[in-house]
C-alpha atoms as a PDB file:
ATOM      1  CA  MET A   1       0.098  -0.072  -0.463  1.00  0.00           C
ATOM      2  CA  ALA A   2       2.710   2.589   0.519  1.00  0.00           C
ATOM      3  CA  ARG A   3       4.586   1.402  -2.979  1.00  0.00           C
ATOM      4  CA  GLY A   4       1.246   1.711  -4.369  1.00  0.00           C
ATOM      5  CA  ALA A   5       1.117   5.418  -2.839  1.00  0.00           C
ATOM      6  CA  ILE A   6       3.363   6.934  -4.876  1.00  0.00           C
ATOM      7  CA  THR A   7       2.027   8.438  -7.669  1.00  0.00           C
ATOM      8  CA  GLU A   8       3.291  11.329  -8.953  1.00  0.00           C
ATOM      9  CA  VAL A   9       6.541   8.894 -11.012  1.00  0.00           C
ATOM     10  CA  ASP A  10       6.322   6.619 -13.076  1.00  0.00           C
ATOM     11  CA  PRO A  11       6.541   2.774 -11.136  1.00  0.00           C
ATOM     12  CA  SER A  12      10.059   2.097 -13.443  1.00  0.00           C
ATOM     13  CA  ASP A  13      10.586   5.912 -11.130  1.00  0.00           C
ATOM     14  CA  ILE A  14      10.576   3.505  -7.593  1.00  0.00           C
ATOM     15  CA  GLY A  15      12.994   0.883  -6.386  1.00  0.00           C
ATOM     16  CA  GLU A  16      13.763  -0.877  -4.046  1.00  0.00           C
ATOM     17  CA  HIS A  17      11.975  -1.655  -0.501  1.00  0.00           C
ATOM     18  CA  LEU A  18      15.344  -0.197   1.716  1.00  0.00           C
ATOM     19  CA  ASP A  19      13.551   0.271   5.043  1.00  0.00           C
ATOM     20  CA  ALA A  20      10.799   1.141   7.639  1.00  0.00           C
ATOM     21  CA  ILE A  21      10.666   3.194  10.841  1.00  0.00           C
ATOM     22  CA  ALA A  22       8.329   3.380  13.739  1.00  0.00           C
ATOM     23  CA  GLU A  23       7.695   7.308  14.056  1.00  0.00           C
ATOM     24  CA  GLY A  24       5.774   6.809  16.716  1.00  0.00           C
ATOM     25  CA  ASP A  25       2.141   5.016  18.109  1.00  0.00           C
ATOM     26  CA  ARG A  26       0.739   2.730  15.224  1.00  0.00           C
ATOM     27  CA  VAL A  27       2.834   5.478  12.095  1.00  0.00           C
ATOM     28  CA  VAL A  28       5.664   3.661  10.834  1.00  0.00           C
ATOM     29  CA  THR A  29       7.086   5.222   7.128  1.00  0.00           C
ATOM     30  CA  HIS A  30       7.861   3.421   4.010  1.00  0.00           C
ATOM     31  CA  PHE A  31      11.602   4.316   2.397  1.00  0.00           C
ATOM     32  CA  PHE A  32      12.058   3.624  -1.109  1.00  0.00           C
ATOM     33  CA  GLU A  33      14.696   3.125  -3.277  1.00  0.00           C
ATOM     34  CA  SER A  34      14.797   6.656  -6.303  1.00  0.00           C
ATOM     35  CA  HIS A  35      15.404   5.412  -9.569  1.00  0.00           C
ATOM     36  CA  LEU A  36      14.486   9.483 -10.767  1.00  0.00           C
ATOM     37  CA  ASP A  37      17.146  11.198 -12.758  1.00  0.00           C
ATOM     38  CA  GLY A  38      19.410  13.606 -10.801  1.00  0.00           C
ATOM     39  CA  TYR A  39      18.432  12.103  -7.693  1.00  0.00           C
ATOM     40  CA  ARG A  40      21.193  10.540  -6.843  1.00  0.00           C
ATOM     41  CA  GLY A  41      20.992   8.986  -3.642  1.00  0.00           C
ATOM     42  CA  TRP A  42      17.326  10.234  -2.582  1.00  0.00           C
ATOM     43  CA  ARG A  43      14.495   8.126  -1.609  1.00  0.00           C
ATOM     44  CA  TRP A  44      11.247   8.078  -1.616  1.00  0.00           C
ATOM     45  CA  ALA A  45       9.439   8.765   1.954  1.00  0.00           C
ATOM     46  CA  VAL A  46       5.723   7.286   2.656  1.00  0.00           C
ATOM     47  CA  THR A  47       4.662   7.781   6.347  1.00  0.00           C
ATOM     48  CA  VAL A  48       1.556   5.034   7.685  1.00  0.00           C
ATOM     49  CA  THR A  49      -0.758   4.904   9.941  1.00  0.00           C
ATOM     50  CA  ARG A  50      -4.122   3.489  11.527  1.00  0.00           C
ATOM     51  CA  VAL A  51      -6.421   4.019  14.083  1.00  0.00           C
ATOM     52  CA  PRO A  52      -6.742   2.314  17.499  1.00  0.00           C
ATOM     53  CA  ARG A  53      -8.866  -1.599  16.862  1.00  0.00           C
ATOM     54  CA  SER A  54      -8.915  -0.985  13.155  1.00  0.00           C
ATOM     55  CA  ARG A  55      -7.064  -2.952  10.603  1.00  0.00           C
ATOM     56  CA  HIS A  56      -7.888  -0.317   7.984  1.00  0.00           C
ATOM     57  CA  VAL A  57      -4.679   2.473   7.390  1.00  0.00           C
ATOM     58  CA  THR A  58      -4.042   5.471   6.328  1.00  0.00           C
ATOM     59  CA  VAL A  59      -1.307   7.774   4.247  1.00  0.00           C
ATOM     60  CA  CYS A  60      -0.160  10.476   5.562  1.00  0.00           C
ATOM     61  CA  GLU A  61       1.972  11.650   3.445  1.00  0.00           C
ATOM     62  CA  THR A  62       4.500  11.125  -0.056  1.00  0.00           C
ATOM     63  CA  VAL A  63       7.526  12.879   0.310  1.00  0.00           C
ATOM     64  CA  LEU A  64      10.971  12.496  -1.499  1.00  0.00           C
ATOM     65  CA  LEU A  65      14.245  12.493   0.792  1.00  0.00           C
ATOM     66  CA  PRO A  66      18.112  13.288   0.330  1.00  0.00           C
ATOM     67  CA  GLY A  67      20.218  10.064   1.481  1.00  0.00           C
ATOM     68  CA  PRO A  68      22.698   9.845   3.005  1.00  0.00           C
ATOM     69  CA  ASP A  69      24.889   9.669   0.036  1.00  0.00           C
ATOM     70  CA  ALA A  70      22.400  12.200  -1.016  1.00  0.00           C
ATOM     71  CA  LEU A  71      23.205  14.612  -4.437  1.00  0.00           C
ATOM     72  CA  LEU A  72      22.580  17.564  -2.472  1.00  0.00           C
ATOM     73  CA  ALA A  73      23.309  21.687  -3.678  1.00  0.00           C
ATOM     74  CA  PRO A  74      25.014  23.504  -1.918  1.00  0.00           C
ATOM     75  CA  GLY A  75      24.049  25.420   0.670  1.00  0.00           C
ATOM     76  CA  TRP A  76      22.064  28.902   0.673  1.00  0.00           C
ATOM     77  CA  VAL A  77      24.885  32.062   1.076  1.00  0.00           C
ATOM     78  CA  PRO A  78      23.316  35.407   1.772  1.00  0.00           C
ATOM     79  CA  TRP A  79      24.417  37.970  -1.482  1.00  0.00           C
ATOM     80  CA  ASN A  80      25.563  40.015   0.759  1.00  0.00           C
ATOM     81  CA  GLU A  81      28.335  36.654   2.009  1.00  0.00           C
ATOM     82  CA  ARG A  82      29.102  35.674  -1.417  1.00  0.00           C
ATOM     83  CA  VAL A  83      29.993  39.362  -2.771  1.00  0.00           C
ATOM     84  CA  GLN A  84      33.439  39.335  -3.846  1.00  0.00           C
ATOM     85  CA  PRO A  85      35.769  42.393  -4.442  1.00  0.00           C
ATOM     86  CA  GLY A  86      35.681  43.431  -7.664  1.00  0.00           C
ATOM     87  CA  ASP A  87      32.032  42.127  -8.121  1.00  0.00           C
ATOM     88  CA  LEU A  88      30.396  45.362  -8.649  1.00  0.00           C
ATOM     89  CA  GLY A  89      30.115  46.323 -12.406  1.00  0.00           C
ATOM     90  CA  VAL A  90      28.718  49.286 -13.763  1.00  0.00           C
ATOM     91  CA  GLY A  91      25.219  49.677 -13.197  1.00  0.00           C
ATOM     92  CA  ASP A  92      25.305  47.905 -10.142  1.00  0.00           C
ATOM     93  CA  LEU A  93      24.306  48.963  -6.421  1.00  0.00           C
ATOM     94  CA  MET A  94      25.260  47.482  -2.986  1.00  0.00           C
ATOM     95  CA  PRO A  95      23.576  48.907  -0.209  1.00  0.00           C
ATOM     96  CA  THR A  96      26.294  49.012   3.527  1.00  0.00           C
ATOM     97  CA  ALA A  97      24.127  47.655   6.051  1.00  0.00           C
ATOM     98  CA  PRO A  98      23.350  50.629   8.797  1.00  0.00           C
ATOM     99  CA  ASP A  99      25.659  47.976  11.665  1.00  0.00           C
ATOM    100  CA  ASP A 100      28.953  47.656   9.316  1.00  0.00           C
ATOM    101  CA  ASP A 101      31.293  48.149  11.804  1.00  0.00           C
ATOM    102  CA  ARG A 102      33.153  49.396   9.229  1.00  0.00           C
ATOM    103  CA  LEU A 103      31.282  52.551   9.290  1.00  0.00           C
ATOM    104  CA  ALA A 104      30.042  54.929  12.825  1.00  0.00           C
ATOM    105  CA  PRO A 105      28.307  57.948  13.330  1.00  0.00           C
ATOM    106  CA  GLY A 106      29.202  61.369  11.741  1.00  0.00           C
ATOM    107  CA  TYR A 107      27.142  63.451  14.969  1.00  0.00           C
ATOM    108  CA  VAL A 108      30.316  61.180  17.233  1.00  0.00           C
ATOM    109  CA  LEU A 109      32.805  62.807  15.131  1.00  0.00           C
ATOM    110  CA  SER A 110      35.261  60.967  12.812  1.00  0.00           C
ATOM    111  CA  ASP A 111      36.624  58.375  15.354  1.00  0.00           C
ATOM    112  CA  ASP A 112      40.354  59.861  14.181  1.00  0.00           C
ATOM    113  CA  ALA A 113      42.400  62.006  16.441  1.00  0.00           C
ATOM    114  CA  ALA A 114      44.003  63.211  13.540  1.00  0.00           C
ATOM    115  CA  VAL A 115      41.333  64.317  11.745  1.00  0.00           C
ATOM    116  CA  GLU A 116      38.846  65.297  14.609  1.00  0.00           C
ATOM    117  CA  ASP A 117      39.421  69.424  13.846  1.00  0.00           C
ATOM    118  CA  VAL A 118      38.170  69.014  10.436  1.00  0.00           C
ATOM    119  CA  SER A 119      35.162  70.721   9.990  1.00  0.00           C
ATOM    120  CA  TRP A 120      34.659  67.612   6.428  1.00  0.00           C
ATOM    121  CA  GLU A 121      35.754  65.231   9.248  1.00  0.00           C
ATOM    122  CA  LEU A 122      33.375  66.439  12.072  1.00  0.00           C
ATOM    123  CA  GLY A 123      30.424  64.682   9.604  1.00  0.00           C
ATOM    124  CA  LEU A 124      29.231  67.956   8.246  1.00  0.00           C
ATOM    125  CA  GLY A 125      28.956  66.385   5.101  1.00  0.00           C
ATOM    126  CA  ARG A 126      28.606  62.393   5.445  1.00  0.00           C
ATOM    127  CA  SER A 127      26.376  60.622   7.531  1.00  0.00           C
ATOM    128  CA  ARG A 128      28.960  57.914   8.342  1.00  0.00           C
ATOM    129  CA  VAL A 129      32.489  58.475   7.981  1.00  0.00           C
ATOM    130  CA  MET A 130      34.965  55.460   8.024  1.00  0.00           C
ATOM    131  CA  SER A 131      35.813  53.820  12.094  1.00  0.00           C
ATOM    132  CA  GLN A 132      38.337  53.060  13.166  1.00  0.00           C
ATOM    133  CA  GLU A 133      38.225  49.369  12.517  1.00  0.00           C
ATOM    134  CA  GLY A 134      37.241  50.389   8.924  1.00  0.00           C
ATOM    135  CA  ARG A 135      41.290  51.895   9.077  1.00  0.00           C
ATOM    136  CA  MET A 136      42.450  48.984  10.711  1.00  0.00           C
ATOM    137  CA  GLU A 137      40.587  46.281   7.998  1.00  0.00           C
ATOM    138  CA  THR A 138      41.553  48.725   5.254  1.00  0.00           C
ATOM    139  CA  ALA A 139      44.997  49.328   5.960  1.00  0.00           C
ATOM    140  CA  GLN A 140      46.080  45.937   5.890  1.00  0.00           C
ATOM    141  CA  ARG A 141      44.473  44.476   2.965  1.00  0.00           C
ATOM    142  CA  TRP A 142      45.551  47.528   1.295  1.00  0.00           C
ATOM    143  CA  TYR A 143      49.830  46.114   2.731  1.00  0.00           C
ATOM    144  CA  ASP A 144      49.371  42.668   1.645  1.00  0.00           C
ATOM    145  CA  GLY A 145      47.815  43.209  -1.923  1.00  0.00           C
ATOM    146  CA  ASP A 146      48.909  44.682  -4.841  1.00  0.00           C
ATOM    147  CA  SER A 147      49.557  48.120  -2.586  1.00  0.00           C
ATOM    148  CA  GLY A 148      52.875  46.901  -0.848  1.00  0.00           C
ATOM    149  CA  PRO A 149      55.677  45.950  -0.529  1.00  0.00           C
ATOM    150  CA  GLU A 150      55.202  42.750  -1.760  1.00  0.00           C
ATOM    151  CA  ALA A 151      54.229  43.085  -4.635  1.00  0.00           C
ATOM    152  CA  PRO A 152      55.970  41.360  -7.352  1.00  0.00           C
ATOM    153  CA  ILE A 153      56.424  45.153  -9.019  1.00  0.00           C
ATOM    154  CA  SER A 154      57.532  45.991  -5.610  1.00  0.00           C
ATOM    155  CA  SER A 155      59.719  43.575  -5.088  1.00  0.00           C
ATOM    156  CA  ALA A 156      61.527  44.658  -8.004  1.00  0.00           C
ATOM    157  CA  ALA A 157      62.131  47.654  -7.880  1.00  0.00           C
ATOM    158  CA  PRO A 158      65.429  49.437  -6.820  1.00  0.00           C
ATOM    159  CA  ARG A 159      65.557  49.035  -3.058  1.00  0.00           C
ATOM    160  CA  ASN A 160      65.746  53.335  -3.047  1.00  0.00           C
ATOM    161  CA  ALA A 161      62.970  53.396  -4.495  1.00  0.00           C
ATOM    162  CA  ARG A 162      60.509  53.494  -2.204  1.00  0.00           C
ATOM    163  CA  CYS A 163      57.299  55.470  -2.205  1.00  0.00           C
ATOM    164  CA  GLY A 164      57.308  57.944   0.410  1.00  0.00           C
ATOM    165  CA  THR A 165      60.646  59.243  -0.733  1.00  0.00           C
ATOM    166  CA  CYS A 166      59.386  59.877  -4.727  1.00  0.00           C
ATOM    167  CA  GLY A 167      57.616  63.179  -5.371  1.00  0.00           C
ATOM    168  CA  PHE A 168      54.534  62.181  -7.276  1.00  0.00           C
ATOM    169  CA  TYR A 169      53.795  60.196  -4.225  1.00  0.00           C
ATOM    170  CA  LEU A 170      50.543  62.612  -2.397  1.00  0.00           C
ATOM    171  CA  PRO A 171      50.416  61.012   1.717  1.00  0.00           C
ATOM    172  CA  LEU A 172      47.158  60.521   2.497  1.00  0.00           C
ATOM    173  CA  ALA A 173      45.062  62.517   5.483  1.00  0.00           C
ATOM    174  CA  GLY A 174      44.271  61.111   8.667  1.00  0.00           C
ATOM    175  CA  SER A 175      45.713  58.463  10.495  1.00  0.00           C
ATOM    176  CA  LEU A 176      46.830  56.464   7.516  1.00  0.00           C
ATOM    177  CA  ARG A 177      48.899  59.607   6.520  1.00  0.00           C
ATOM    178  CA  THR A 178      51.639  57.694   7.439  1.00  0.00           C
ATOM    179  CA  MET A 179      51.579  54.514   6.221  1.00  0.00           C
ATOM    180  CA  PHE A 180      49.670  54.809   3.051  1.00  0.00           C
ATOM    181  CA  GLY A 181      49.301  57.548   0.050  1.00  0.00           C
ATOM    182  CA  VAL A 182      48.499  57.897  -3.715  1.00  0.00           C
ATOM    183  CA  CYS A 183      50.364  57.650  -6.722  1.00  0.00           C
ATOM    184  CA  GLY A 184      50.828  60.759  -8.734  1.00  0.00           C
ATOM    185  CA  ASN A 185      52.672  59.449 -11.446  1.00  0.00           C
ATOM    186  CA  LEU A 186      51.066  58.792 -15.856  1.00  0.00           C
ATOM    187  CA  TYR A 187      53.869  56.452 -16.160  1.00  0.00           C
ATOM    188  CA  ALA A 188      54.106  54.636 -13.098  1.00  0.00           C
ATOM    189  CA  PRO A 189      51.637  50.855 -12.891  1.00  0.00           C
ATOM    190  CA  ASP A 190      49.693  52.451  -9.946  1.00  0.00           C
ATOM    191  CA  ASP A 191      48.971  55.961 -11.101  1.00  0.00           C
ATOM    192  CA  GLY A 192      46.122  57.005  -9.133  1.00  0.00           C
ATOM    193  CA  ARG A 193      45.516  53.960  -6.479  1.00  0.00           C
ATOM    194  CA  ALA A 194      46.861  54.405  -2.803  1.00  0.00           C
ATOM    195  CA  VAL A 195      50.137  52.363  -2.135  1.00  0.00           C
ATOM    196  CA  SER A 196      51.917  52.127   0.477  1.00  0.00           C
ATOM    197  CA  ALA A 197      55.080  54.801   1.993  1.00  0.00           C
ATOM    198  CA  ASP A 198      57.805  50.936   1.407  1.00  0.00           C
ATOM    199  CA  HIS A 199      56.126  50.208  -2.160  1.00  0.00           C
ATOM    200  CA  GLY A 200      57.725  50.541  -4.670  1.00  0.00           C
ATOM    201  CA  CYS A 201      58.727  51.105  -7.798  1.00  0.00           C
ATOM    202  CA  GLY A 202      60.997  51.130 -11.623  1.00  0.00           C
ATOM    203  CA  ALA A 203      59.005  55.054 -12.291  1.00  0.00           C
ATOM    204  CA  HIS A 204      60.480  55.914  -8.739  1.00  0.00           C
ATOM    205  CA  SER A 205      61.045  60.086  -9.454  1.00  0.00           C
ATOM    206  CA  GLU A 206      65.391  59.485  -7.686  1.00  0.00           C
ATOM    207  CA  ALA A 207      65.578  56.543  -9.591  1.00  0.00           C
ATOM    208  CA  LEU A 208      68.269  57.968 -12.622  1.00  0.00           C
ATOM    209  CA  LEU A 209      69.106  60.227 -10.016  1.00  0.00           C
ATOM    210  CA  SER A 210      70.268  57.277  -7.752  1.00  0.00           C
ATOM    211  CA  ALA A 211      71.245  54.284 -10.611  1.00  0.00           C
ATOM    212  CA  VAL A 212      74.797  54.130 -11.034  1.00  0.00           C
ATOM    213  CA  GLU A 213      75.810  52.571 -14.322  1.00  0.00           C
ATOM    214  CA  GLN A 214      77.609  49.076 -14.424  1.00  0.00           C
ATOM    215  CA  PRO A 215      80.422  48.732 -17.053  1.00  0.00           C
ATOM    216  CA  VAL A 216      79.830  45.909 -19.744  1.00  0.00           C
ATOM    217  CA  ASP A 217      82.562  43.308 -19.729  1.00  0.00           C
ATOM    218  CA  GLU A 218      83.134  42.353 -23.714  1.00  0.00           C
ATOM    219  CA  LEU A 219      83.634  39.542 -24.322  1.00  0.00           C
ATOM    220  CA  PRO A 220      86.713  38.683 -26.673  1.00  0.00           C
ATOM    221  CA  THR A 221      85.835  38.262 -30.436  1.00  0.00           C
ATOM    222  CA  VAL A 222      86.946  33.973 -30.898  1.00  0.00           C
ATOM    223  CA  TYR A 223      87.167  32.619 -34.284  1.00  0.00           C
ATOM    224  CA  ASP A 224      87.417  29.050 -35.269  1.00  0.00           C
ATOM    225  CA  ASP A 225      90.020  27.915 -37.735  1.00  0.00           C
ATOM    226  CA  SER A 226      88.899  24.900 -38.366  1.00  0.00           C
ATOM    227  CA  GLU A 227      85.490  27.088 -40.162  1.00  0.00           C
ATOM    228  CA  VAL A 228      87.151  28.099 -42.917  1.00  0.00           C
ATOM    229  CA  GLU A 229      86.852  26.684 -45.978  1.00  0.00           C
ATOM    230  CA  SER A 230      89.432  27.376 -49.039  1.00  0.00           C
ATOM    231  CA  VAL A 231      87.981  28.581 -52.380  1.00  0.00           C
ATOM    232  CA  ALA A 232      90.098  28.416 -55.392  1.00  0.00           C
ATOM    233  CA  VAL A 233      89.489  31.228 -57.061  1.00  0.00           C
ATOM    234  CA  SER A 234      90.202  31.601 -61.498  1.00  0.00           C
ATOM    235  CA  ARG A 235      92.955  34.099 -63.153  1.00  0.00           C
ATOM    236  CA  GLY A 236      91.671  35.976 -65.913  1.00  0.00           C
ATOM    237  CA  HIS A 237      93.935  37.009 -69.168  1.00  0.00           C
ATOM    238  CA  GLY A 238      96.749  39.085 -68.322  1.00  0.00           C
ATOM    239  CA  SER A 239      96.951  38.696 -64.236  1.00  0.00           C
ATOM    240  CA  VAL A 240     100.348  37.502 -62.957  1.00  0.00           C
ATOM    241  CA  GLU A 241     100.577  34.703 -61.046  1.00  0.00           C
ATOM    242  CA  SER A 242     103.214  34.018 -57.845  1.00  0.00           C
ATOM    243  CA  GLY A 243     105.960  33.240 -59.887  1.00  0.00           C
ATOM    244  CA  ASP A 244     106.799  35.985 -61.723  1.00  0.00           C
ATOM    245  CA  PRO A 245     108.577  39.386 -61.241  1.00  0.00           C
ATOM    246  CA  ALA A 246     106.386  42.072 -59.640  1.00  0.00           C
ATOM    247  CA  GLU A 247     106.094  44.613 -62.423  1.00  0.00           C
ATOM    248  CA  ASP A 248     107.043  48.428 -61.576  1.00  0.00           C
ATOM    249  CA  TYR A 249     103.577  50.255 -62.022  1.00  0.00           C
ATOM    250  CA  GLY A 250     100.679  47.621 -62.730  1.00  0.00           C
ATOM    251  CA  HIS A 251      98.672  46.048 -66.048  1.00  0.00           C
ATOM    252  CA  SER A 252      99.035  48.141 -68.670  1.00  0.00           C
END
């Protein structure tokens, strides 16, 4: 009777009886193997029951449930936890949560002692400003990424070609001033980006002044006599043989 209660699919999609579990008094769930495409490891579950002192069995529900080895879709993750840096495209909107720890209300000043005396950072122009936690997280992310000293372009640059001593380096305001600035060199790969003071590249403003020319040792030219090929030259009419005496004025 439990097998016959599965009417949503063809009989061929119902496999062998797998198990029967007692859910309570006179309540049993029967499990059948599922042969549906895309539902590998799933099971048909049919729950049946009967009233006391009755032989009539009633079907309570029929459902398709995943088994221990079922192929399941990955768990749902909210969009704000799935989004990654760089996912925001042209025209996209990504609202900031009201309780974002990276921001602080503007009326509690800027949470930055270095800029609290500046009217803009007091919150007069913005409802929220960056909190100390937000600034620390940003500084660590910049320092560990392509803007820090361990970036490939920085590691390949000369040791004294650091952004903090470059004429194109524009320091940031506030507490991040001592660590970060913006590159203003048109020809540098980090132009218009925030870089750490110990970041570097080959476009340093003083790179030519500090560069030391190293002499290049030229290797001597080596001739391989074994590669020389003897060529016979035919002499034309009027040529002087090697055994003849030399003429005073050459040929006429």
